Protein backbone atom coordinates (compact mmCIF):
# COMPACT_ATOMS: atom_id res chain seq x y z
CA MET A 1 13.90 10.70 16.62
CA CYS A 2 12.87 7.05 16.99
CA GLY A 3 14.08 3.82 15.44
CA ILE A 4 12.04 1.40 13.36
CA ALA A 5 13.01 -1.96 11.90
CA GLY A 6 11.57 -5.29 10.89
CA PHE A 7 11.48 -7.99 8.27
CA SER A 8 9.51 -10.21 5.93
CA ILE A 9 11.12 -13.64 5.59
CA SER A 10 10.96 -15.55 2.30
CA GLN A 11 10.03 -19.20 1.99
CA ALA A 12 13.62 -19.95 0.97
CA ASP A 13 14.96 -18.41 4.19
CA HIS A 14 12.27 -19.74 6.51
CA ARG A 15 13.89 -21.74 9.33
CA LYS A 16 17.31 -20.80 8.00
CA ILE A 17 17.16 -17.30 9.41
CA LYS A 18 16.64 -17.26 13.18
CA SER A 19 14.28 -14.34 13.00
CA ARG A 20 13.85 -13.83 16.75
CA ASN A 21 17.60 -13.42 17.02
CA LEU A 22 17.49 -11.02 14.08
CA ALA A 23 14.78 -9.02 15.88
CA GLU A 24 16.97 -8.77 18.96
CA LYS A 25 19.95 -7.53 16.94
CA LEU A 26 17.82 -4.97 15.13
CA LEU A 27 16.46 -3.62 18.43
CA LEU A 28 19.94 -3.42 19.96
CA GLU A 29 21.10 -1.29 17.04
CA ILE A 30 18.11 1.01 16.63
CA VAL A 31 18.10 1.72 20.40
CA ALA A 32 20.62 4.42 19.49
CA ARG A 33 17.61 6.35 18.16
CA GLY A 34 15.49 6.07 21.31
CA GLU A 35 15.61 4.56 24.81
CA ASP A 36 12.31 5.70 26.36
CA ALA A 37 10.33 2.63 25.28
CA THR A 38 10.68 -0.47 23.13
CA GLY A 39 8.19 -2.70 21.38
CA GLY A 40 7.44 -5.07 18.57
CA ALA A 41 4.66 -6.89 16.77
CA TRP A 42 4.86 -10.13 14.85
CA THR A 43 2.82 -12.87 13.22
CA GLU A 44 2.29 -16.22 14.87
CA THR A 45 0.21 -19.20 13.83
CA VAL A 46 -2.42 -20.34 16.33
CA ASP A 47 -4.68 -23.27 15.43
CA ASN A 48 -3.43 -23.04 11.84
CA GLU A 49 -4.43 -19.37 11.60
CA PRO A 50 -1.92 -16.49 11.50
CA LYS A 51 -2.50 -13.81 14.13
CA VAL A 52 -0.77 -10.62 15.25
CA PHE A 53 0.91 -10.53 18.64
CA TYR A 54 2.68 -7.60 20.27
CA SER A 55 4.59 -6.47 23.31
CA LYS A 56 5.82 -3.05 24.42
CA GLU A 57 7.25 -1.52 27.58
CA ALA A 58 8.71 1.77 28.80
CA MET A 59 12.28 0.48 28.89
CA PRO A 60 15.34 0.53 26.62
CA ALA A 61 15.94 -2.30 24.18
CA GLU A 62 18.71 -3.83 26.29
CA GLU A 63 16.13 -4.63 28.96
CA PHE A 64 13.22 -5.37 26.64
CA ILE A 65 14.94 -8.16 24.73
CA GLU A 66 14.95 -10.25 27.92
CA PHE A 67 11.22 -10.70 27.30
CA LEU A 68 11.41 -11.21 23.54
CA ASP A 69 11.41 -15.00 23.97
CA MET A 70 7.63 -14.76 23.57
CA MET A 71 8.29 -14.17 19.85
CA PRO A 72 8.50 -17.41 17.84
CA ARG A 73 12.06 -18.32 16.89
CA PHE A 74 11.21 -18.42 13.19
CA THR A 75 8.45 -15.84 12.84
CA ARG A 76 8.08 -14.69 9.24
CA THR A 77 6.97 -11.08 9.72
CA ALA A 78 7.77 -8.48 12.39
CA ILE A 79 7.92 -4.74 13.02
CA LEU A 80 10.06 -3.17 15.77
CA HIS A 81 10.41 0.21 17.46
CA THR A 82 12.59 2.09 19.91
CA ARG A 83 11.08 5.34 21.16
CA TYR A 84 12.49 8.79 21.78
CA ALA A 85 9.47 10.36 23.43
CA THR A 86 8.20 13.74 22.27
CA LYS A 87 4.41 13.98 22.62
CA GLY A 88 2.85 11.59 25.11
CA SER A 89 4.48 10.17 28.23
CA PRO A 90 6.08 6.71 27.97
CA LYS A 91 4.49 5.95 31.35
CA ASN A 92 1.23 5.55 29.44
CA ASN A 93 1.95 2.40 27.46
CA ASP A 94 -0.68 3.33 24.87
CA ASN A 95 1.71 6.07 23.75
CA ASN A 96 4.48 3.55 23.09
CA HIS A 97 4.91 1.62 19.88
CA PRO A 98 3.61 -0.40 18.24
CA ILE A 99 0.50 1.76 18.18
CA ILE A 100 -2.58 -0.42 18.47
CA ILE A 101 -5.86 0.35 16.73
CA PRO A 102 -7.91 -2.51 18.24
CA ASN A 103 -8.81 -5.31 15.86
CA LYS A 104 -7.49 -3.34 12.91
CA ILE A 105 -3.93 -2.04 12.67
CA VAL A 106 -0.62 -2.42 14.54
CA GLY A 107 2.02 0.10 13.47
CA VAL A 108 5.33 1.82 14.19
CA HIS A 109 6.44 5.33 13.20
CA ASN A 110 9.67 7.29 13.14
CA GLY A 111 9.20 11.04 12.89
CA VAL A 112 6.72 13.63 14.11
CA ILE A 113 3.26 14.65 12.88
CA VAL A 114 2.30 18.25 13.65
CA ASN A 115 -1.33 18.33 12.46
CA ASP A 116 -2.58 15.32 14.39
CA ASP A 117 -4.98 17.33 16.59
CA GLU A 118 -6.56 18.94 13.54
CA LEU A 119 -7.01 15.60 11.79
CA PHE A 120 -8.57 13.96 14.84
CA GLU A 121 -11.05 16.82 15.14
CA ALA A 122 -11.86 16.93 11.42
CA ASN A 123 -12.49 13.19 11.18
CA GLY A 124 -14.13 12.61 14.55
CA TRP A 125 -11.73 9.83 15.52
CA GLU A 126 -11.59 9.06 19.22
CA ARG A 127 -8.09 9.18 20.65
CA ILE A 128 -6.71 6.14 22.43
CA ALA A 129 -3.56 7.92 23.60
CA GLU A 130 -1.84 11.32 23.35
CA VAL A 131 0.99 10.49 20.96
CA ASP A 132 0.95 12.14 17.52
CA SER A 133 1.80 8.86 15.79
CA GLU A 134 -1.66 7.51 16.54
CA VAL A 135 -3.23 9.69 13.84
CA ILE A 136 -1.31 7.80 11.13
CA PHE A 137 -2.76 4.45 12.06
CA GLN A 138 -6.23 5.79 12.79
CA MET A 139 -6.14 7.14 9.24
CA ILE A 140 -5.02 3.80 7.82
CA ALA A 141 -7.63 1.91 9.85
CA ASN A 142 -10.57 4.21 9.17
CA SER A 143 -10.09 5.55 5.64
CA GLN A 144 -11.50 3.80 2.61
CA GLU A 145 -8.45 4.82 0.58
CA PRO A 146 -5.70 5.42 3.17
CA LEU A 147 -2.91 5.79 0.60
CA ASP A 148 -4.81 8.77 -0.80
CA GLU A 149 -5.02 10.28 2.68
CA LEU A 150 -1.44 9.80 3.93
CA PRO A 151 -0.10 12.89 2.08
CA SER A 152 -2.39 15.05 4.25
CA LEU A 153 -0.12 14.32 7.21
CA ILE A 154 2.19 17.25 7.93
CA GLY A 155 5.57 16.38 9.38
CA ARG A 156 8.12 13.60 9.03
CA ALA A 157 7.28 9.94 8.79
CA ALA A 158 8.67 6.52 8.00
CA ILE A 159 6.10 3.89 8.96
CA ALA A 160 5.49 0.16 9.01
CA TRP A 161 2.31 -1.67 9.89
CA LEU A 162 0.48 -4.98 10.02
CA ASP A 163 -3.22 -5.47 9.35
CA VAL A 164 -4.87 -8.01 11.65
CA ASP A 165 -7.01 -9.22 8.73
CA ASP A 166 -3.88 -9.96 6.68
CA PRO A 167 -1.17 -10.67 9.29
CA GLN A 168 1.49 -12.03 6.95
CA THR A 169 1.69 -8.88 4.81
CA LEU A 170 4.15 -6.14 5.76
CA HIS A 171 3.28 -2.58 4.80
CA LEU A 172 6.01 0.08 4.53
CA ALA A 173 5.79 3.75 3.63
CA ARG A 174 8.08 6.72 3.70
CA LEU A 175 6.55 10.18 3.56
CA LYS A 176 9.08 12.99 4.00
CA GLY A 177 12.10 13.62 6.17
CA SER A 178 12.49 10.41 8.14
CA PRO A 179 14.94 7.89 6.65
CA LEU A 180 14.12 4.29 5.71
CA PHE A 181 16.49 1.66 4.29
CA VAL A 182 15.69 -1.79 2.94
CA GLY A 183 18.00 -4.75 2.42
CA HIS A 184 17.51 -8.06 0.62
CA THR A 185 19.17 -11.33 1.63
CA TYR A 186 20.53 -13.86 -0.82
CA GLY A 187 17.39 -15.89 -0.08
CA ASP A 188 15.23 -12.87 -1.03
CA SER A 189 14.00 -11.95 2.44
CA LEU A 190 13.44 -8.24 3.10
CA ILE A 191 14.87 -6.51 6.18
CA PHE A 192 14.43 -2.82 6.95
CA ALA A 193 15.70 -0.26 9.44
CA SER A 194 15.81 3.49 9.91
CA THR A 195 19.35 3.98 8.63
CA GLU A 196 21.77 2.14 6.39
CA ASN A 197 24.45 1.83 9.04
CA LEU A 198 22.13 0.42 11.69
CA LEU A 199 20.73 -2.08 9.19
CA LYS A 200 24.19 -3.30 8.21
CA LEU A 201 25.37 -3.57 11.82
CA ALA A 202 22.30 -5.53 12.94
CA VAL A 203 22.48 -7.98 10.05
CA ARG A 204 26.16 -8.55 10.66
CA GLU A 205 25.57 -9.16 14.38
CA ALA A 206 22.97 -11.76 13.36
CA ASN A 207 25.66 -13.54 11.30
CA MET A 208 23.85 -12.83 8.07
CA SER A 209 24.50 -10.88 4.90
CA LEU A 210 22.63 -8.77 2.39
CA LYS A 211 23.03 -8.75 -1.38
CA THR A 212 21.57 -5.23 -1.75
CA ILE A 213 20.73 -2.21 0.38
CA TRP A 214 18.78 0.78 -0.89
CA GLU A 215 17.07 3.85 0.48
CA VAL A 216 13.31 4.00 0.08
CA PRO A 217 12.48 7.20 -1.85
CA GLU A 218 10.23 9.75 -0.21
CA MET A 219 6.48 9.44 -0.80
CA LEU A 220 6.51 5.73 -1.60
CA TYR A 221 4.43 2.82 -0.28
CA LEU A 222 5.57 -0.82 -0.44
CA LYS A 223 3.48 -3.94 0.08
CA VAL A 224 5.63 -6.94 1.02
CA GLN A 225 4.70 -10.61 1.19
CA GLY A 226 7.20 -13.38 1.90
CA GLY A 227 10.09 -10.97 1.36
CA LYS A 228 8.83 -9.93 -2.08
CA ILE A 229 7.64 -6.43 -2.92
CA VAL A 230 4.31 -7.20 -4.57
CA LYS A 231 3.07 -3.62 -4.90
CA LYS A 232 4.70 -0.18 -4.96
CA ILE A 233 2.73 3.03 -5.13
CA ALA A 234 3.83 6.64 -5.16
CA LEU A 235 2.00 8.80 -2.61
CA GLY A 236 0.76 12.16 -3.76
CA GLU A 237 -1.70 13.97 -5.97
CA GLU A 238 -1.12 11.63 -8.91
CA LEU A 239 -0.75 8.09 -7.61
CA LYS A 240 1.26 5.93 -9.95
CA GLU A 241 3.46 2.88 -9.89
CA PRO A 242 7.15 3.86 -9.88
CA THR A 243 9.52 2.41 -12.43
CA ASP A 244 12.26 0.04 -11.32
CA ARG A 245 14.72 2.86 -11.80
CA GLU A 246 12.75 5.02 -9.38
CA LEU A 247 12.24 2.21 -6.88
CA PHE A 248 15.81 0.97 -6.89
CA PRO A 249 17.92 4.14 -7.14
CA LEU A 250 21.59 4.08 -7.99
CA SER A 251 22.46 4.23 -4.28
CA GLY A 252 21.54 0.53 -4.04
CA TYR A 253 24.64 -1.64 -4.13
CA PRO A 254 25.78 -5.19 -3.35
CA VAL A 255 27.22 -5.98 0.07
CA ARG A 256 29.88 -8.65 0.36
CA PRO A 257 28.80 -11.78 2.27
CA TYR A 258 30.10 -11.87 5.82
CA LYS A 259 32.28 -14.69 7.06
CA HIS A 260 29.47 -16.48 8.87
CA TYR A 261 26.92 -16.22 6.08
CA SER A 262 25.08 -19.54 5.74
CA GLN A 263 21.90 -18.68 3.94
CA ARG A 264 22.81 -20.40 0.72
CA GLN A 265 21.94 -23.79 1.66
CA THR A 266 -4.30 -10.84 17.72
CA LEU A 267 -4.65 -8.87 17.75
CA LYS A 268 -8.23 -10.33 17.14
CA GLY A 269 -8.78 -11.78 20.56
CA VAL A 270 -5.16 -12.59 21.28
CA THR A 271 -2.36 -10.42 22.60
CA ARG A 272 0.75 -11.13 24.55
CA MET A 273 2.08 -8.67 27.05
CA ARG A 274 4.71 -9.03 29.71
């Protein structure tokens, strides 16, 4: 059991939402799902070009957030992770999340994949670390049609990733078993976390509010840009675009604004490590 979280901030919310503070609150809530390591990746503009930066350490979120000041205060896109270690020692930082596929993909995963060894052998991918999660992002980085390949993973998975060639796009997918909840602000930013309760608590601690929360259905991929879901694809033998009814199930519901709500008004050559 691990925790994942993150966000894609809309233009309307940019510089209204203090996204670094939001990242801290999300990490402090999802730490309940893992204390062995903590990490995050985010977009940052350098010389007018967006790039992916990351940091991760074998420490609980309460300690890690002391170093999160390297994240821009108003970053638009981020993915976060707290690790409960299963396969792969946290002492090897390559096993901790975000998982880095150099110059390609930066990703986080909640769950467990049980056929990772078989997939590495079948595809001839060279392992960077020992952790099972790596196979997910090797598949995404090295497959011509990764969405076609994701269903071949056996186990539980809720995942989020950034592509270094398109740093401002957030990719989300839920396979089977592992939970994933998404919320939308009144300014149409998207915030996600492993569970509904942790998402609500983190947003409240950040003095924000959500107009909707919904559970991502199993076997669904979401492409998010500027808080907007621009593509949704079902994962499986017959790939199709879900209907709005399928995407936004009846469990989605409005959340009352909190008292302090005020929102109305690379990897390519660059990394940051502590």
